[in-house]
PDB file of N, CA and C in Angstrom:
ATOM      1  N   MET A   1     123.737 103.630  46.127  1.00  0.00           N
ATOM      2  CA  MET A   1     123.310 102.480  46.915  1.00  0.00           C
ATOM      3  C   MET A   1     124.203 101.272  46.642  1.00  0.00           C
ATOM      4  N   VAL A   2     124.569 101.062  45.371  1.00  0.00           N
ATOM      5  CA  VAL A   2     125.403  99.906  45.035  1.00  0.00           C
ATOM      6  C   VAL A   2     126.737  99.975  45.761  1.00  0.00           C
ATOM      7  N   GLY A   3     127.342 101.153  45.797  1.00  0.00           N
ATOM      8  CA  GLY A   3     128.617 101.309  46.496  1.00  0.00           C
ATOM      9  C   GLY A   3     128.508 100.990  47.973  1.00  0.00           C
ATOM     10  N   GLU A   4     127.401 101.371  48.600  1.00  0.00           N
ATOM     11  CA  GLU A   4     127.193 101.079  50.020  1.00  0.00           C
ATOM     12  C   GLU A   4     127.100  99.576  50.248  1.00  0.00           C
ATOM     13  N   ILE A   5     126.381  98.881  49.374  1.00  0.00           N
ATOM     14  CA  ILE A   5     126.231  97.428  49.532  1.00  0.00           C
ATOM     15  C   ILE A   5     127.576  96.740  49.341  1.00  0.00           C
ATOM     16  N   GLU A   6     128.366  97.197  48.376  1.00  0.00           N
ATOM     17  CA  GLU A   6     129.698  96.613  48.177  1.00  0.00           C
ATOM     18  C   GLU A   6     130.568  96.835  49.406  1.00  0.00           C
ATOM     19  N   ALA A   7     130.504  98.013  49.999  1.00  0.00           N
ATOM     20  CA  ALA A   7     131.284  98.301  51.202  1.00  0.00           C
ATOM     21  C   ALA A   7     130.836  97.412  52.359  1.00  0.00           C
ATOM     22  N   TRP A   8     129.522  97.212  52.497  1.00  0.00           N
ATOM     23  CA  TRP A   8     129.018  96.321  53.550  1.00  0.00           C
ATOM     24  C   TRP A   8     129.585  94.922  53.360  1.00  0.00           C
ATOM     25  N   GLY A   9     129.582  94.449  52.111  1.00  0.00           N
ATOM     26  CA  GLY A   9     130.083  93.103  51.821  1.00  0.00           C
ATOM     27  C   GLY A   9     131.531  92.932  52.233  1.00  0.00           C
ATOM     28  N   ARG A  10     132.355  93.908  51.908  1.00  0.00           N
ATOM     29  CA  ARG A  10     133.779  93.822  52.299  1.00  0.00           C
ATOM     30  C   ARG A  10     133.927  93.874  53.814  1.00  0.00           C
ATOM     31  N   SER A  11     133.142  94.699  54.460  1.00  0.00           N
ATOM     32  CA  SER A  11     133.217  94.789  55.921  1.00  0.00           C
ATOM     33  C   SER A  11     132.791  93.487  56.578  1.00  0.00           C
ATOM     34  N   ILE A  12     131.738  92.888  56.054  1.00  0.00           N
ATOM     35  CA  ILE A  12     131.270  91.605  56.607  1.00  0.00           C
ATOM     36  C   ILE A  12     132.350  90.549  56.446  1.00  0.00           C
ATOM     37  N   GLU A  13     132.991  90.503  55.303  1.00  0.00           N
ATOM     38  CA  GLU A  13     134.075  89.534  55.092  1.00  0.00           C
ATOM     39  C   GLU A  13     135.200  89.747  56.100  1.00  0.00           C
ATOM     40  N   ARG A  14     135.558  91.003  56.347  1.00  0.00           N
ATOM     41  CA  ARG A  14     136.626  91.297  57.306  1.00  0.00           C
ATOM     42  C   ARG A  14     136.216  90.915  58.730  1.00  0.00           C
ATOM     43  N   ILE A  15     134.969  91.168  59.094  1.00  0.00           N
ATOM     44  CA  ILE A  15     134.479  90.806  60.430  1.00  0.00           C
ATOM     45  C   ILE A  15     134.539  89.293  60.620  1.00  0.00           C
ATOM     46  N   VAL A  16     134.060  88.548  59.626  1.00  0.00           N
ATOM     47  CA  VAL A  16     134.047  87.079  59.707  1.00  0.00           C
ATOM     48  C   VAL A  16     135.481  86.553  59.787  1.00  0.00           C
ATOM     49  N   ALA A  17     136.382  87.072  58.945  1.00  0.00           N
ATOM     50  CA  ALA A  17     137.774  86.617  58.948  1.00  0.00           C
ATOM     51  C   ALA A  17     138.452  86.900  60.286  1.00  0.00           C
ATOM     52  N   ALA A  18     138.225  88.084  60.842  1.00  0.00           N
ATOM     53  CA  ALA A  18     138.836  88.426  62.132  1.00  0.00           C
ATOM     54  C   ALA A  18     138.325  87.505  63.232  1.00  0.00           C
ATOM     55  N   GLY A  19     137.035  87.200  63.198  1.00  0.00           N
ATOM     56  CA  GLY A  19     136.473  86.288  64.196  1.00  0.00           C
ATOM     57  C   GLY A  19     137.051  84.893  64.092  1.00  0.00           C
ATOM     58  N   LYS A  20     137.174  84.392  62.860  1.00  0.00           N
ATOM     59  CA  LYS A  20     137.755  83.059  62.660  1.00  0.00           C
ATOM     60  C   LYS A  20     139.185  83.018  63.170  1.00  0.00           C
ATOM     61  N   ASN A  21     139.967  84.055  62.856  1.00  0.00           N
ATOM     62  CA  ASN A  21     141.363  84.108  63.304  1.00  0.00           C
ATOM     63  C   ASN A  21     141.469  84.129  64.819  1.00  0.00           C
ATOM     64  N   ALA A  22     140.478  84.714  65.486  1.00  0.00           N
ATOM     65  CA  ALA A  22     140.484  84.795  66.948  1.00  0.00           C
ATOM     66  C   ALA A  22     139.829  83.577  67.599  1.00  0.00           C
ATOM     67  N   GLY A  23     139.280  82.669  66.775  1.00  0.00           N
ATOM     68  CA  GLY A  23     138.627  81.483  67.321  1.00  0.00           C
ATOM     69  C   GLY A  23     137.228  81.748  67.843  1.00  0.00           C
ATOM     70  N   CYS A  24     136.610  82.819  67.389  1.00  0.00           N
ATOM     71  CA  CYS A  24     135.256  83.180  67.835  1.00  0.00           C
ATOM     72  C   CYS A  24     134.223  82.650  66.854  1.00  0.00           C
ATOM     73  N   PRO A  25     133.005  82.439  67.324  1.00  0.00           N
ATOM     74  CA  PRO A  25     131.944  82.009  66.409  1.00  0.00           C
ATOM     75  C   PRO A  25     131.605  83.113  65.410  1.00  0.00           C
ATOM     76  N   ILE A  26     131.139  82.719  64.237  1.00  0.00           N
ATOM     77  CA  ILE A  26     130.753  83.688  63.211  1.00  0.00           C
ATOM     78  C   ILE A  26     129.525  84.444  63.699  1.00  0.00           C
ATOM     79  N   PRO A  27     129.558  85.771  63.621  1.00  0.00           N
ATOM     80  CA  PRO A  27     128.396  86.540  64.081  1.00  0.00           C
ATOM     81  C   PRO A  27     127.206  86.357  63.147  1.00  0.00           C
ATOM     82  N   GLU A  28     126.059  86.695  63.657  1.00  0.00           N
ATOM     83  CA  GLU A  28     124.828  86.649  62.867  1.00  0.00           C
ATOM     84  C   GLU A  28     124.597  88.040  62.282  1.00  0.00           C
ATOM     85  N   PHE A  29     124.240  88.097  61.011  1.00  0.00           N
ATOM     86  CA  PHE A  29     123.963  89.366  60.346  1.00  0.00           C
ATOM     87  C   PHE A  29     122.485  89.408  59.997  1.00  0.00           C
ATOM     88  N   ARG A  30     121.846  90.523  60.315  1.00  0.00           N
ATOM     89  CA  ARG A  30     120.425  90.714  60.002  1.00  0.00           C
ATOM     90  C   ARG A  30     120.232  92.035  59.289  1.00  0.00           C
ATOM     91  N   TYR A  31     119.361  92.019  58.326  1.00  0.00           N
ATOM     92  CA  TYR A  31     118.985  93.235  57.621  1.00  0.00           C
ATOM     93  C   TYR A  31     117.522  93.482  57.938  1.00  0.00           C
ATOM     94  N   ASP A  32     117.242  94.636  58.527  1.00  0.00           N
ATOM     95  CA  ASP A  32     115.877  94.959  58.949  1.00  0.00           C
ATOM     96  C   ASP A  32     115.494  96.307  58.351  1.00  0.00           C
ATOM     97  N   GLY A  33     114.874  96.280  57.182  1.00  0.00           N
ATOM     98  CA  GLY A  33     114.480  97.533  56.538  1.00  0.00           C
ATOM     99  C   GLY A  33     115.684  98.313  56.077  1.00  0.00           C
ATOM    100  N   ASP A  34     115.996  99.374  56.780  1.00  0.00           N
ATOM    101  CA  ASP A  34     117.146 100.192  56.404  1.00  0.00           C
ATOM    102  C   ASP A  34     118.295 100.075  57.400  1.00  0.00           C
ATOM    103  N   GLU A  35     118.284  99.038  58.211  1.00  0.00           N
ATOM    104  CA  GLU A  35     119.333  98.823  59.219  1.00  0.00           C
ATOM    105  C   GLU A  35     119.975  97.456  59.031  1.00  0.00           C
ATOM    106  N   VAL A  36     121.262  97.399  59.308  1.00  0.00           N
ATOM    107  CA  VAL A  36     121.991  96.129  59.305  1.00  0.00           C
ATOM    108  C   VAL A  36     122.446  95.884  60.735  1.00  0.00           C
ATOM    109  N   TRP A  37     122.160  94.704  61.241  1.00  0.00           N
ATOM    110  CA  TRP A  37     122.520  94.328  62.606  1.00  0.00           C
ATOM    111  C   TRP A  37     123.607  93.261  62.551  1.00  0.00           C
ATOM    112  N   THR A  38     124.603  93.388  63.408  1.00  0.00           N
ATOM    113  CA  THR A  38     125.625  92.362  63.584  1.00  0.00           C
ATOM    114  C   THR A  38     125.518  91.888  65.020  1.00  0.00           C
ATOM    115  N   ILE A  39     125.263  90.591  65.180  1.00  0.00           N
ATOM    116  CA  ILE A  39     125.045  90.028  66.514  1.00  0.00           C
ATOM    117  C   ILE A  39     126.210  89.093  66.840  1.00  0.00           C
ATOM    118  N   PHE A  40     126.975  89.465  67.854  1.00  0.00           N
ATOM    119  CA  PHE A  40     128.114  88.662  68.290  1.00  0.00           C
ATOM    120  C   PHE A  40     127.682  87.769  69.444  1.00  0.00           C
ATOM    121  N   LYS A  41     128.014  86.509  69.346  1.00  0.00           N
ATOM    122  CA  LYS A  41     127.677  85.562  70.410  1.00  0.00           C
ATOM    123  C   LYS A  41     128.967  85.177  71.127  1.00  0.00           C
ATOM    124  N   PHE A  42     129.018  85.541  72.391  1.00  0.00           N
ATOM    125  CA  PHE A  42     130.197  85.265  73.191  1.00  0.00           C
ATOM    126  C   PHE A  42     129.927  84.118  74.143  1.00  0.00           C
ATOM    127  N   LYS A  43     131.000  83.453  74.521  1.00  0.00           N
ATOM    128  CA  LYS A  43     130.886  82.394  75.510  1.00  0.00           C
ATOM    129  C   LYS A  43     130.464  82.994  76.840  1.00  0.00           C
ATOM    130  N   SER A  44     129.824  82.186  77.609  1.00  0.00           N
ATOM    131  CA  SER A  44     129.434  82.613  78.944  1.00  0.00           C
ATOM    132  C   SER A  44     130.675  82.911  79.772  1.00  0.00           C
ATOM    133  N   VAL A  45     130.646  83.993  80.501  1.00  0.00           N
ATOM    134  CA  VAL A  45     131.765  84.356  81.359  1.00  0.00           C
ATOM    135  C   VAL A  45     131.986  83.284  82.412  1.00  0.00           C
ATOM    136  N   GLU A  46     130.899  82.726  82.929  1.00  0.00           N
ATOM    137  CA  GLU A  46     131.021  81.696  83.955  1.00  0.00           C
ATOM    138  C   GLU A  46     131.778  80.490  83.431  1.00  0.00           C
ATOM    139  N   LYS A  47     131.466  80.045  82.214  1.00  0.00           N
ATOM    140  CA  LYS A  47     132.158  78.889  81.636  1.00  0.00           C
ATOM    141  C   LYS A  47     133.633  79.197  81.436  1.00  0.00           C
ATOM    142  N   THR A  48     133.940  80.398  80.982  1.00  0.00           N
ATOM    143  CA  THR A  48     135.326  80.794  80.766  1.00  0.00           C
ATOM    144  C   THR A  48     136.089  80.792  82.080  1.00  0.00           C
ATOM    145  N   VAL A  49     135.485  81.310  83.127  1.00  0.00           N
ATOM    146  CA  VAL A  49     136.130  81.335  84.444  1.00  0.00           C
ATOM    147  C   VAL A  49     136.319  79.915  84.963  1.00  0.00           C
ATOM    148  N   GLU A  50     135.299  79.060  84.814  1.00  0.00           N
ATOM    149  CA  GLU A  50     135.422  77.672  85.263  1.00  0.00           C
ATOM    150  C   GLU A  50     136.599  76.983  84.586  1.00  0.00           C
ATOM    151  N   LYS A  51     136.724  77.162  83.279  1.00  0.00           N
ATOM    152  CA  LYS A  51     137.824  76.530  82.546  1.00  0.00           C
ATOM    153  C   LYS A  51     139.167  77.068  83.005  1.00  0.00           C
ATOM    154  N   SER A  52     139.247  78.370  83.251  1.00  0.00           N
ATOM    155  CA  SER A  52     140.494  78.975  83.712  1.00  0.00           C
ATOM    156  C   SER A  52     140.880  78.444  85.081  1.00  0.00           C
ATOM    157  N   VAL A  53     139.922  78.319  85.968  1.00  0.00           N
ATOM    158  CA  VAL A  53     140.193  77.815  87.318  1.00  0.00           C
ATOM    159  C   VAL A  53     140.694  76.379  87.250  1.00  0.00           C
ATOM    160  N   GLU A  54     140.045  75.547  86.452  1.00  0.00           N
ATOM    161  CA  GLU A  54     140.469  74.150  86.320  1.00  0.00           C
ATOM    162  C   GLU A  54     141.877  74.063  85.740  1.00  0.00           C
ATOM    163  N   LYS A  55     142.157  74.881  84.734  1.00  0.00           N
ATOM    164  CA  LYS A  55     143.488  74.885  84.121  1.00  0.00           C
ATOM    165  C   LYS A  55     144.535  75.310  85.141  1.00  0.00           C
ATOM    166  N   ASN A  56     144.223  76.336  85.935  1.00  0.00           N
ATOM    167  CA  ASN A  56     145.164  76.801  86.950  1.00  0.00           C
ATOM    168  C   ASN A  56     145.388  75.754  88.031  1.00  0.00           C
ATOM    169  N   LYS A  57     144.337  75.039  88.420  1.00  0.00           N
ATOM    170  CA  LYS A  57     144.487  73.971  89.415  1.00  0.00           C
ATOM    171  C   LYS A  57     145.438  72.896  88.902  1.00  0.00           C
ATOM    172  N   LYS A  58     145.278  72.522  87.634  1.00  0.00           N
ATOM    173  CA  LYS A  58     146.160  71.507  87.043  1.00  0.00           C
ATOM    174  C   LYS A  58     147.600  72.001  86.998  1.00  0.00           C
ATOM    175  N   ASN A  59     147.787  73.268  86.626  1.00  0.00           N
ATOM    176  CA  ASN A  59     149.143  73.820  86.574  1.00  0.00           C
ATOM    177  C   ASN A  59     149.786  73.839  87.950  1.00  0.00           C
ATOM    178  N   ILE A  60     149.028  74.229  88.966  1.00  0.00           N
ATOM    179  CA  ILE A  60     149.556  74.252  90.336  1.00  0.00           C
ATOM    180  C   ILE A  60     149.936  72.849  90.782  1.00  0.00           C
ATOM    181  N   LYS A  61     149.072  71.876  90.495  1.00  0.00           N
ATOM    182  CA  LYS A  61     149.361  70.489  90.867  1.00  0.00           C
ATOM    183  C   LYS A  61     150.626  69.993  90.164  1.00  0.00           C
ATOM    184  N   ASN A  62     150.757  70.293  88.877  1.00  0.00           N
ATOM    185  CA  ASN A  62     151.945  69.871  88.129  1.00  0.00           C
ATOM    186  C   ASN A  62     153.209  70.502  88.700  1.00  0.00           C
ATOM    187  N   HIS A  63     153.168  71.785  89.027  1.00  0.00           N
ATOM    188  CA  HIS A  63     154.334  72.457  89.613  1.00  0.00           C
ATOM    189  C   HIS A  63     154.666  71.864  90.974  1.00  0.00           C
ATOM    190  N   ARG A  64     153.635  71.601  91.769  1.00  0.00           N
ATOM    191  CA  ARG A  64     153.843  71.010  93.093  1.00  0.00           C
ATOM    192  C   ARG A  64     154.480  69.627  92.958  1.00  0.00           C
ATOM    193  N   ASP A  65     153.956  68.816  92.042  1.00  0.00           N
ATOM    194  CA  ASP A  65     154.508  67.473  91.830  1.00  0.00           C
ATOM    195  C   ASP A  65     155.948  67.528  91.336  1.00  0.00           C
ATOM    196  N   ASN A  66     156.238  68.455  90.434  1.00  0.00           N
ATOM    197  CA  ASN A  66     157.605  68.599  89.928  1.00  0.00           C
ATOM    198  C   ASN A  66     158.557  69.040  91.039  1.00  0.00           C
ATOM    199  N   TYR A  67     158.095  69.925  91.908  1.00  0.00           N
ATOM    200  CA  TYR A  67     158.908  70.392  93.023  1.00  0.00           C
ATOM    201  C   TYR A  67     159.224  69.234  93.966  1.00  0.00           C
ATOM    202  N   ARG A  68     158.234  68.424  94.260  1.00  0.00           N
ATOM    203  CA  ARG A  68     158.420  67.276  95.158  1.00  0.00           C
ATOM    204  C   ARG A  68     159.385  66.278  94.540  1.00  0.00           C
ATOM    205  N   ASN A  69     159.288  66.051  93.240  1.00  0.00           N
ATOM    206  CA  ASN A  69     160.167  65.102  92.575  1.00  0.00           C
ATOM    207  C   ASN A  69     161.616  65.601  92.546  1.00  0.00           C
ATOM    208  N   ASP A  70     161.804  66.917  92.467  1.00  0.00           N
ATOM    209  CA  ASP A  70     163.152  67.481  92.454  1.00  0.00           C
ATOM    210  C   ASP A  70     163.821  67.380  93.825  1.00  0.00           C
ATOM    211  N   ASP A  71     163.027  67.366  94.902  1.00  0.00           N
ATOM    212  CA  ASP A  71     163.568  67.279  96.257  1.00  0.00           C
ATOM    213  C   ASP A  71     164.046  65.864  96.591  1.00  0.00           C
ATOM    214  N   GLY A  72     163.418  64.918  95.985  1.00  0.00           N
ATOM    215  CA  GLY A  72     163.530  63.625  96.436  1.00  0.00           C
ATOM    216  C   GLY A  72     164.470  62.635  96.221  1.00  0.00           C
TER     217      GLY A  72
END
């Protein structure tokens, strides 16, 4: 049992480190009797799409403005 708990600890550390490196929130860990749960919380897809669309609109506007300035 001790070896299993030590292995869980190392795995949890690796999961947390990988999430931090990727800029993701730290997952929630739950122990329920004889089960361990890892709960990942992801950003809403809608919010991610909204941000991407806004970023793309700004990029298009910047390219358009740069093109107009080069012509002129």
